[in-house]
């Protein structure tokens, strides 16, 4: 026995699936027919009614781009440090990465606990190197 199941994912999208009952058990399973169907187009544009709101949107975009750049730079530095196998090079690079993490935590680009956790795990990694 099969029947069509339509599920609302949100206000604008539906998901279609076919429900079947297994022959030997009473468990039912569902198979996805296709991708999600959009019923209404979403608009991601913000509507601003005041000059100050338009300026705020402009500033937010600029700050988000700035924060994204520094967060990505930090992630690459952490990745580079974790990939190192030479202890002397890792010890030389660690203070620069630590300084970067502290600056980003101070300006709230990353959370202060995340910075502390990253510094701790990197210190453990450097200590394990032989």
Protein backbone atom coordinates (compact mmCIF):
# COMPACT_ATOMS: atom_id res chain seq x y z
CA UNK A 1 0.00 0.00 0.00
CA UNK A 2 1.41 3.40 -1.00
CA UNK A 3 0.13 6.89 -0.43
CA UNK A 4 1.44 10.36 -1.11
CA UNK A 5 2.61 12.43 1.85
CA UNK A 6 2.95 16.21 1.57
CA UNK A 7 4.77 17.99 4.36
CA UNK A 8 5.07 21.72 4.95
CA UNK A 9 8.67 22.63 5.71
CA UNK A 10 7.92 26.32 6.09
CA UNK A 11 5.52 28.90 4.83
CA UNK A 12 6.99 28.75 1.35
CA UNK A 13 8.11 25.17 0.73
CA UNK A 14 6.61 21.70 0.56
CA UNK A 15 8.23 18.27 0.48
CA UNK A 16 6.69 15.32 -1.35
CA UNK A 17 7.32 11.73 -0.33
CA UNK A 18 5.73 8.33 -0.87
CA UNK A 19 4.80 6.32 2.24
CA UNK A 20 4.90 2.53 1.86
CA UNK A 21 4.11 -0.23 4.32
CA UNK A 22 6.65 -3.04 4.46
CA UNK A 23 5.26 -6.49 3.59
CA UNK A 24 6.79 -8.40 6.53
CA UNK A 25 6.55 -5.75 9.22
CA UNK A 26 4.23 -3.04 10.33
CA UNK A 27 6.90 -0.38 10.00
CA UNK A 28 6.25 2.30 7.46
CA UNK A 29 8.98 4.01 5.51
CA UNK A 30 9.02 7.09 3.33
CA UNK A 31 10.89 7.72 0.11
CA UNK A 32 11.62 11.20 -1.10
CA UNK A 33 10.12 11.86 -4.51
CA UNK A 34 12.12 14.92 -5.41
CA UNK A 35 13.56 18.07 -4.06
CA UNK A 36 11.75 20.68 -2.07
CA UNK A 37 9.09 22.58 -3.95
CA UNK A 38 8.98 26.33 -3.43
CA UNK A 39 5.49 27.70 -3.47
CA UNK A 40 6.34 31.37 -3.07
CA UNK A 41 9.47 33.30 -3.89
CA UNK A 42 11.38 34.56 -0.86
CA UNK A 43 12.76 38.06 -0.84
CA UNK A 44 15.99 38.51 1.07
CA UNK A 45 16.08 42.25 0.52
CA UNK A 46 15.54 44.37 3.57
CA UNK A 47 13.08 47.19 3.24
CA UNK A 48 14.25 50.33 4.98
CA UNK A 49 11.90 53.19 5.66
CA UNK A 50 14.41 55.73 7.01
CA UNK A 51 17.73 57.09 5.83
CA UNK A 52 19.37 55.89 9.03
CA UNK A 53 18.07 52.34 8.43
CA UNK A 54 19.45 52.37 4.88
CA UNK A 55 22.81 53.51 6.24
CA UNK A 56 22.71 50.83 8.96
CA UNK A 57 22.13 48.11 6.33
CA UNK A 58 25.07 49.46 4.34
CA UNK A 59 27.29 49.47 7.44
CA UNK A 60 26.20 45.95 8.44
CA UNK A 61 27.17 44.57 5.03
CA UNK A 62 30.57 46.24 5.24
CA UNK A 63 31.19 45.00 8.79
CA UNK A 64 30.05 41.47 7.95
CA UNK A 65 32.52 41.35 5.06
CA UNK A 66 35.30 42.68 7.32
CA UNK A 67 34.50 40.17 10.07
CA UNK A 68 34.28 37.29 7.59
CA UNK A 69 37.75 38.13 6.24
CA UNK A 70 39.40 38.15 9.66
CA UNK A 71 37.56 35.02 10.83
CA UNK A 72 38.68 33.16 7.69
CA UNK A 73 42.26 34.38 8.14
CA UNK A 74 42.18 33.10 11.73
CA UNK A 75 40.81 29.71 10.66
CA UNK A 76 43.58 29.38 8.04
CA UNK A 77 46.25 30.25 10.62
CA UNK A 78 44.86 27.66 13.05
CA UNK A 79 44.71 25.08 10.25
CA UNK A 80 48.31 25.86 9.27
CA UNK A 81 49.48 25.48 12.88
CA UNK A 82 47.63 22.17 13.30
CA UNK A 83 49.20 20.83 10.09
CA UNK A 84 52.74 21.50 11.33
CA UNK A 85 54.83 18.56 12.42
CA UNK A 86 57.98 20.50 13.38
CA UNK A 87 57.82 21.66 16.98
CA UNK A 88 60.25 24.61 16.61
CA UNK A 89 58.24 26.15 13.75
CA UNK A 90 54.98 25.59 15.62
CA UNK A 91 56.38 27.26 18.75
CA UNK A 92 57.43 30.27 16.62
CA UNK A 93 54.00 30.57 14.98
CA UNK A 94 51.93 30.04 18.15
CA UNK A 95 52.31 33.56 19.64
CA UNK A 96 51.11 35.17 16.39
CA UNK A 97 48.06 32.90 16.27
CA UNK A 98 47.41 33.51 19.96
CA UNK A 99 47.57 37.28 19.41
CA UNK A 100 45.16 36.99 16.46
CA UNK A 101 42.69 34.95 18.51
CA UNK A 102 42.82 37.45 21.40
CA UNK A 103 42.20 40.40 19.07
CA UNK A 104 39.23 38.70 17.42
CA UNK A 105 37.76 37.79 20.81
CA UNK A 106 38.23 41.36 22.03
CA UNK A 107 36.27 42.77 19.05
CA UNK A 108 33.58 40.05 19.36
CA UNK A 109 34.27 38.52 15.96
CA UNK A 110 34.61 35.20 17.77
CA UNK A 111 33.46 34.35 21.28
CA UNK A 112 36.05 34.66 24.07
CA UNK A 113 35.47 31.05 25.14
CA UNK A 114 36.06 29.85 21.57
CA UNK A 115 39.37 31.74 21.53
CA UNK A 116 40.34 30.19 24.86
CA UNK A 117 39.40 26.70 23.67
CA UNK A 118 41.37 27.11 20.44
CA UNK A 119 44.46 28.40 22.28
CA UNK A 120 44.27 25.50 24.71
CA UNK A 121 43.89 22.86 22.01
CA UNK A 122 46.74 24.39 19.96
CA UNK A 123 49.00 24.41 23.03
CA UNK A 124 48.19 20.73 23.62
CA UNK A 125 48.95 20.00 19.96
CA UNK A 126 52.33 21.76 20.18
CA UNK A 127 53.21 19.92 23.39
CA UNK A 128 52.46 16.58 21.73
CA UNK A 129 54.86 17.31 18.87
CA UNK A 130 58.21 15.66 19.33
